[in-house]
Amino acid sequence: MSENAVTVREARAHLADHINRAEQGASTIITRNGAPVAALVPIADFNALEEAADELLSREAEAVLAEGGPTVTMAELLADLFTEHGEGTA
């Protein structure tokens, strides 16, 4: 896979070109102040990464359950999610 790095300004100015490069299989790293902050990648690479992350999380969850790890009900999970979300808002 070919890869290049561009600034945010360059990425904005030539977004269509970078999208075309992604369609051809090349990734583009976008930098801000010299540090990588984002990547424009071919959709196949993105999908593969998402699938790999899902598989890893599934294996970790199965391992926790096999060891008799803690479980929560869907109601508990949703309550925790909404409580966390509500704490940061004012």
C-alpha atoms as a PDB file:
ATOM      1  CA  MET A   1       0.000   0.000   0.000  1.00  0.00           C
ATOM      2  CA  SER A   2       1.366   3.381  -0.994  1.00  0.00           C
ATOM      3  CA  GLU A   3       1.129   6.182   1.571  1.00  0.00           C
ATOM      4  CA  ASN A   4       1.832   9.912   1.617  1.00  0.00           C
ATOM      5  CA  ALA A   5       1.423  12.714   4.142  1.00  0.00           C
ATOM      6  CA  VAL A   6      -0.176  16.108   3.573  1.00  0.00           C
ATOM      7  CA  THR A   7      -1.148  19.047   5.744  1.00  0.00           C
ATOM      8  CA  VAL A   8      -4.769  19.798   6.600  1.00  0.00           C
ATOM      9  CA  ARG A   9      -4.587  22.760   4.216  1.00  0.00           C
ATOM     10  CA  GLU A  10      -3.324  20.554   1.372  1.00  0.00           C
ATOM     11  CA  ALA A  11      -5.966  17.920   2.107  1.00  0.00           C
ATOM     12  CA  ARG A  12      -8.737  20.532   1.943  1.00  0.00           C
ATOM     13  CA  ALA A  13      -7.398  22.093  -1.234  1.00  0.00           C
ATOM     14  CA  HIS A  14      -7.087  18.762  -3.053  1.00  0.00           C
ATOM     15  CA  LEU A  15      -9.627  16.536  -1.323  1.00  0.00           C
ATOM     16  CA  ALA A  16     -10.957  15.058  -4.571  1.00  0.00           C
ATOM     17  CA  ASP A  17      -7.423  14.066  -5.596  1.00  0.00           C
ATOM     18  CA  HIS A  18      -6.822  12.325  -2.279  1.00  0.00           C
ATOM     19  CA  ILE A  19     -10.154  10.521  -2.553  1.00  0.00           C
ATOM     20  CA  ASN A  20      -9.177   9.352  -6.028  1.00  0.00           C
ATOM     21  CA  ARG A  21      -5.863   8.080  -4.614  1.00  0.00           C
ATOM     22  CA  ALA A  22      -7.804   6.172  -1.920  1.00  0.00           C
ATOM     23  CA  GLU A  23      -9.968   4.590  -4.611  1.00  0.00           C
ATOM     24  CA  GLN A  24      -6.737   3.403  -6.245  1.00  0.00           C
ATOM     25  CA  GLY A  25      -5.527   1.850  -2.981  1.00  0.00           C
ATOM     26  CA  ALA A  26      -3.294   4.604  -1.570  1.00  0.00           C
ATOM     27  CA  SER A  27      -3.615   5.995   1.945  1.00  0.00           C
ATOM     28  CA  THR A  28      -3.051   9.635   2.813  1.00  0.00           C
ATOM     29  CA  ILE A  29      -1.971  10.720   6.277  1.00  0.00           C
ATOM     30  CA  ILE A  30      -3.190  14.191   7.215  1.00  0.00           C
ATOM     31  CA  THR A  31      -0.962  16.217   9.533  1.00  0.00           C
ATOM     32  CA  ARG A  32      -1.436  19.301  11.675  1.00  0.00           C
ATOM     33  CA  ASN A  33       1.687  21.122  12.846  1.00  0.00           C
ATOM     34  CA  GLY A  34       3.740  18.180  11.604  1.00  0.00           C
ATOM     35  CA  ALA A  35       1.878  15.575  13.671  1.00  0.00           C
ATOM     36  CA  PRO A  36      -0.404  12.934  12.094  1.00  0.00           C
ATOM     37  CA  VAL A  37      -4.041  13.580  13.054  1.00  0.00           C
ATOM     38  CA  ALA A  38      -6.129  11.647  10.515  1.00  0.00           C
ATOM     39  CA  ALA A  39      -5.948   9.242   7.616  1.00  0.00           C
ATOM     40  CA  LEU A  40      -7.844   8.931   4.372  1.00  0.00           C
ATOM     41  CA  VAL A  41      -7.764   5.245   3.491  1.00  0.00           C
ATOM     42  CA  PRO A  42      -9.319   2.957   0.899  1.00  0.00           C
ATOM     43  CA  ILE A  43     -12.726   1.766   2.080  1.00  0.00           C
ATOM     44  CA  ALA A  44     -11.591  -1.864   1.893  1.00  0.00           C
ATOM     45  CA  ASP A  45      -8.821  -1.098   4.409  1.00  0.00           C
ATOM     46  CA  PHE A  46     -11.295   0.688   6.690  1.00  0.00           C
ATOM     47  CA  ASN A  47     -13.768  -2.198   6.510  1.00  0.00           C
ATOM     48  CA  ALA A  48     -11.015  -4.730   7.254  1.00  0.00           C
ATOM     49  CA  LEU A  49      -9.917  -2.696  10.280  1.00  0.00           C
ATOM     50  CA  GLU A  50     -13.498  -2.472  11.564  1.00  0.00           C
ATOM     51  CA  GLU A  51     -13.985  -6.227  11.147  1.00  0.00           C
ATOM     52  CA  ALA A  52     -10.691  -6.962  12.918  1.00  0.00           C
ATOM     53  CA  ALA A  53     -11.632  -4.677  15.819  1.00  0.00           C
ATOM     54  CA  ASP A  54     -15.056  -6.346  16.116  1.00  0.00           C
ATOM     55  CA  GLU A  55     -13.434  -9.793  16.124  1.00  0.00           C
ATOM     56  CA  LEU A  56     -10.913  -8.777  18.774  1.00  0.00           C
ATOM     57  CA  LEU A  57     -13.617  -7.332  21.038  1.00  0.00           C
ATOM     58  CA  SER A  58     -15.724 -10.457  20.558  1.00  0.00           C
ATOM     59  CA  ARG A  59     -12.822 -12.718  21.534  1.00  0.00           C
ATOM     60  CA  GLU A  60     -12.060 -10.590  24.602  1.00  0.00           C
ATOM     61  CA  ALA A  61     -15.716 -10.719  25.687  1.00  0.00           C
ATOM     62  CA  GLU A  62     -15.845 -14.490  25.205  1.00  0.00           C
ATOM     63  CA  ALA A  63     -12.676 -14.883  27.301  1.00  0.00           C
ATOM     64  CA  VAL A  64     -14.134 -12.799  30.136  1.00  0.00           C
ATOM     65  CA  LEU A  65     -17.345 -14.832  30.102  1.00  0.00           C
ATOM     66  CA  ALA A  66     -15.428 -18.127  29.986  1.00  0.00           C
ATOM     67  CA  GLU A  67     -13.508 -17.056  33.095  1.00  0.00           C
ATOM     68  CA  GLY A  68     -16.764 -16.317  34.902  1.00  0.00           C
ATOM     69  CA  GLY A  69     -16.267 -12.574  34.554  1.00  0.00           C
ATOM     70  CA  PRO A  70     -18.934 -10.049  35.460  1.00  0.00           C
ATOM     71  CA  THR A  71     -22.014  -9.542  33.333  1.00  0.00           C
ATOM     72  CA  VAL A  72     -24.617  -6.776  33.257  1.00  0.00           C
ATOM     73  CA  THR A  73     -28.155  -6.629  31.999  1.00  0.00           C
ATOM     74  CA  MET A  74     -29.087  -4.467  29.032  1.00  0.00           C
ATOM     75  CA  ALA A  75     -30.986  -2.163  31.416  1.00  0.00           C
ATOM     76  CA  GLU A  76     -27.847  -1.696  33.544  1.00  0.00           C
ATOM     77  CA  LEU A  77     -25.749  -1.027  30.476  1.00  0.00           C
ATOM     78  CA  LEU A  78     -28.167   1.575  29.122  1.00  0.00           C
ATOM     79  CA  ALA A  79     -28.477   3.246  32.523  1.00  0.00           C
ATOM     80  CA  ASP A  80     -24.686   3.525  32.761  1.00  0.00           C
ATOM     81  CA  LEU A  81     -24.421   4.903  29.227  1.00  0.00           C
ATOM     82  CA  PHE A  82     -27.069   7.558  29.791  1.00  0.00           C
ATOM     83  CA  THR A  83     -25.641   8.502  33.186  1.00  0.00           C
ATOM     84  CA  GLU A  84     -22.168   8.994  31.692  1.00  0.00           C
ATOM     85  CA  HIS A  85     -23.596  10.990  28.786  1.00  0.00           C
ATOM     86  CA  GLY A  86     -25.642  13.226  31.075  1.00  0.00           C
ATOM     87  CA  GLU A  87     -22.721  14.050  33.387  1.00  0.00           C
ATOM     88  CA  GLY A  88     -20.808  15.972  30.723  1.00  0.00           C
ATOM     89  CA  THR A  89     -23.716  18.154  29.618  1.00  0.00           C
ATOM     90  CA  ALA A  90     -24.906  21.334  31.259  1.00  0.00           C
END
